[in-house]
Amino acid sequence: MGAVVAALRPAPGQLLLCDMGFLNALSLGWVTPRRAALAAGCLIASWFLYFAGWGLRAEFTHDDLMNCHRAVFYPLPRLLGDILVWFRPSDLYRPLPELAYQPVDKASP
């Protein structure tokens, strides 16, 4: 056991991980909660864009246009009612996507 501890001990003049500034950034004030949140947000956004980048550039398909057309005929209170009371039989095929398509339809001329 002593040989393992001696092997893990750094040689004289060798830098430790905390001497390299990686962990000392916390004590020096370089890493503030705001910078840490910004770095985490950038990491999450870059991860999302890496995996979903091409999918975000997709155009409307015939199915999307059909769902948008169906969303015109159902009023907003009915869509919200069918989403909240999900166990009740309904005429709507997918009320949540139709709710998402309603602003698209309202914005179109």
Protein backbone atom coordinates (compact mmCIF):
# COMPACT_ATOMS: atom_id res chain seq x y z
CA MET A 1 0.00 0.00 0.00
CA GLY A 2 2.85 2.35 0.81
CA ALA A 3 4.34 1.79 -2.65
CA VAL A 4 1.06 2.82 -4.29
CA VAL A 5 0.88 6.02 -2.25
CA ALA A 6 4.50 6.79 -3.05
CA ALA A 7 3.84 6.22 -6.76
CA LEU A 8 0.87 8.63 -6.70
CA ARG A 9 2.82 11.33 -4.87
CA PRO A 10 4.17 13.90 -7.36
CA ALA A 11 7.88 14.16 -7.96
CA PRO A 12 9.65 17.27 -6.71
CA GLY A 13 9.00 20.13 -9.14
CA GLN A 14 5.98 18.40 -10.71
CA LEU A 15 2.74 20.41 -10.78
CA LEU A 16 -0.38 19.15 -9.13
CA LEU A 17 -3.80 19.42 -10.77
CA CYS A 18 -4.80 22.20 -8.39
CA ASP A 19 -1.54 24.05 -9.11
CA MET A 20 -2.42 24.28 -12.82
CA GLY A 21 -5.17 26.79 -12.17
CA PHE A 22 -8.04 24.44 -12.99
CA LEU A 23 -9.32 24.18 -9.44
CA ASN A 24 -7.77 27.42 -8.19
CA ALA A 25 -10.08 29.42 -10.45
CA LEU A 26 -12.80 28.97 -7.87
CA SER A 27 -10.72 30.42 -5.08
CA LEU A 28 -9.40 33.30 -7.20
CA GLY A 29 -12.89 34.42 -8.19
CA TRP A 30 -12.60 33.72 -11.92
CA VAL A 31 -15.58 31.40 -11.81
CA THR A 32 -18.62 33.27 -10.57
CA PRO A 33 -22.11 31.75 -10.46
CA ARG A 34 -23.09 33.92 -13.42
CA ARG A 35 -20.13 32.75 -15.52
CA ALA A 36 -20.78 29.15 -14.54
CA ALA A 37 -24.45 29.46 -15.59
CA LEU A 38 -23.40 31.09 -18.87
CA ALA A 39 -20.88 28.32 -19.55
CA ALA A 40 -23.48 25.64 -18.74
CA GLY A 41 -26.02 27.33 -21.02
CA CYS A 42 -23.49 27.52 -23.87
CA LEU A 43 -22.60 23.86 -23.38
CA ILE A 44 -26.25 22.78 -23.43
CA ALA A 45 -27.03 24.95 -26.48
CA SER A 46 -24.04 23.65 -28.41
CA TRP A 47 -24.93 20.05 -27.51
CA PHE A 48 -28.51 20.61 -28.70
CA LEU A 49 -27.45 22.29 -31.94
CA TYR A 50 -24.90 19.57 -32.67
CA PHE A 51 -27.50 16.83 -32.54
CA ALA A 52 -30.58 18.72 -33.81
CA GLY A 53 -28.97 21.14 -36.24
CA TRP A 54 -30.23 19.61 -39.50
CA GLY A 55 -33.66 18.89 -38.07
CA LEU A 56 -34.16 22.56 -37.25
CA ARG A 57 -33.66 23.43 -40.92
CA ALA A 58 -36.45 21.10 -42.09
CA GLU A 59 -39.34 22.58 -44.03
CA PHE A 60 -43.06 21.96 -43.61
CA THR A 61 -44.27 18.64 -44.94
CA HIS A 62 -47.75 17.72 -46.13
CA ASP A 63 -48.54 16.32 -42.70
CA ASP A 64 -47.61 19.61 -41.04
CA LEU A 65 -49.80 21.57 -43.41
CA MET A 66 -52.71 19.18 -42.83
CA ASN A 67 -52.37 19.55 -39.06
CA CYS A 68 -52.21 23.32 -39.39
CA HIS A 69 -55.35 23.25 -41.52
CA ARG A 70 -57.17 21.14 -38.92
CA ALA A 71 -56.11 23.50 -36.14
CA VAL A 72 -58.12 26.27 -37.83
CA PHE A 73 -61.42 24.54 -37.24
CA TYR A 74 -61.10 23.89 -33.51
CA PRO A 75 -61.31 26.81 -31.07
CA LEU A 76 -58.60 27.34 -28.49
CA PRO A 77 -60.77 26.50 -25.42
CA ARG A 78 -61.64 23.12 -26.95
CA LEU A 79 -58.00 22.33 -27.66
CA LEU A 80 -57.01 23.25 -24.11
CA GLY A 81 -59.91 21.23 -22.71
CA ASP A 82 -58.91 18.15 -24.68
CA ILE A 83 -55.32 18.50 -23.50
CA LEU A 84 -56.21 18.93 -19.83
CA VAL A 85 -58.96 16.27 -19.79
CA TRP A 86 -56.93 13.75 -21.75
CA PHE A 87 -58.99 10.69 -20.73
CA ARG A 88 -62.19 11.97 -22.37
CA PRO A 89 -62.88 10.72 -25.93
CA SER A 90 -62.32 13.46 -28.47
CA ASP A 91 -62.63 14.12 -32.19
CA LEU A 92 -59.14 15.55 -32.25
CA TYR A 93 -56.33 13.32 -33.39
CA ARG A 94 -53.48 15.14 -31.64
CA PRO A 95 -54.61 18.19 -29.69
CA LEU A 96 -51.19 19.29 -28.41
CA PRO A 97 -49.57 19.64 -31.86
CA GLU A 98 -52.71 21.35 -33.10
CA LEU A 99 -52.32 23.80 -30.24
CA ALA A 100 -48.75 24.41 -31.40
CA TYR A 101 -49.92 25.02 -34.99
CA GLN A 102 -52.57 27.58 -34.04
CA PRO A 103 -50.13 30.49 -33.62
CA VAL A 104 -48.60 29.60 -36.99
CA ASP A 105 -52.02 29.79 -38.57
CA LYS A 106 -52.92 33.04 -36.81
CA ALA A 107 -49.66 34.65 -37.97
CA SER A 108 -50.18 33.71 -41.62
CA PRO A 109 -51.94 36.30 -43.80
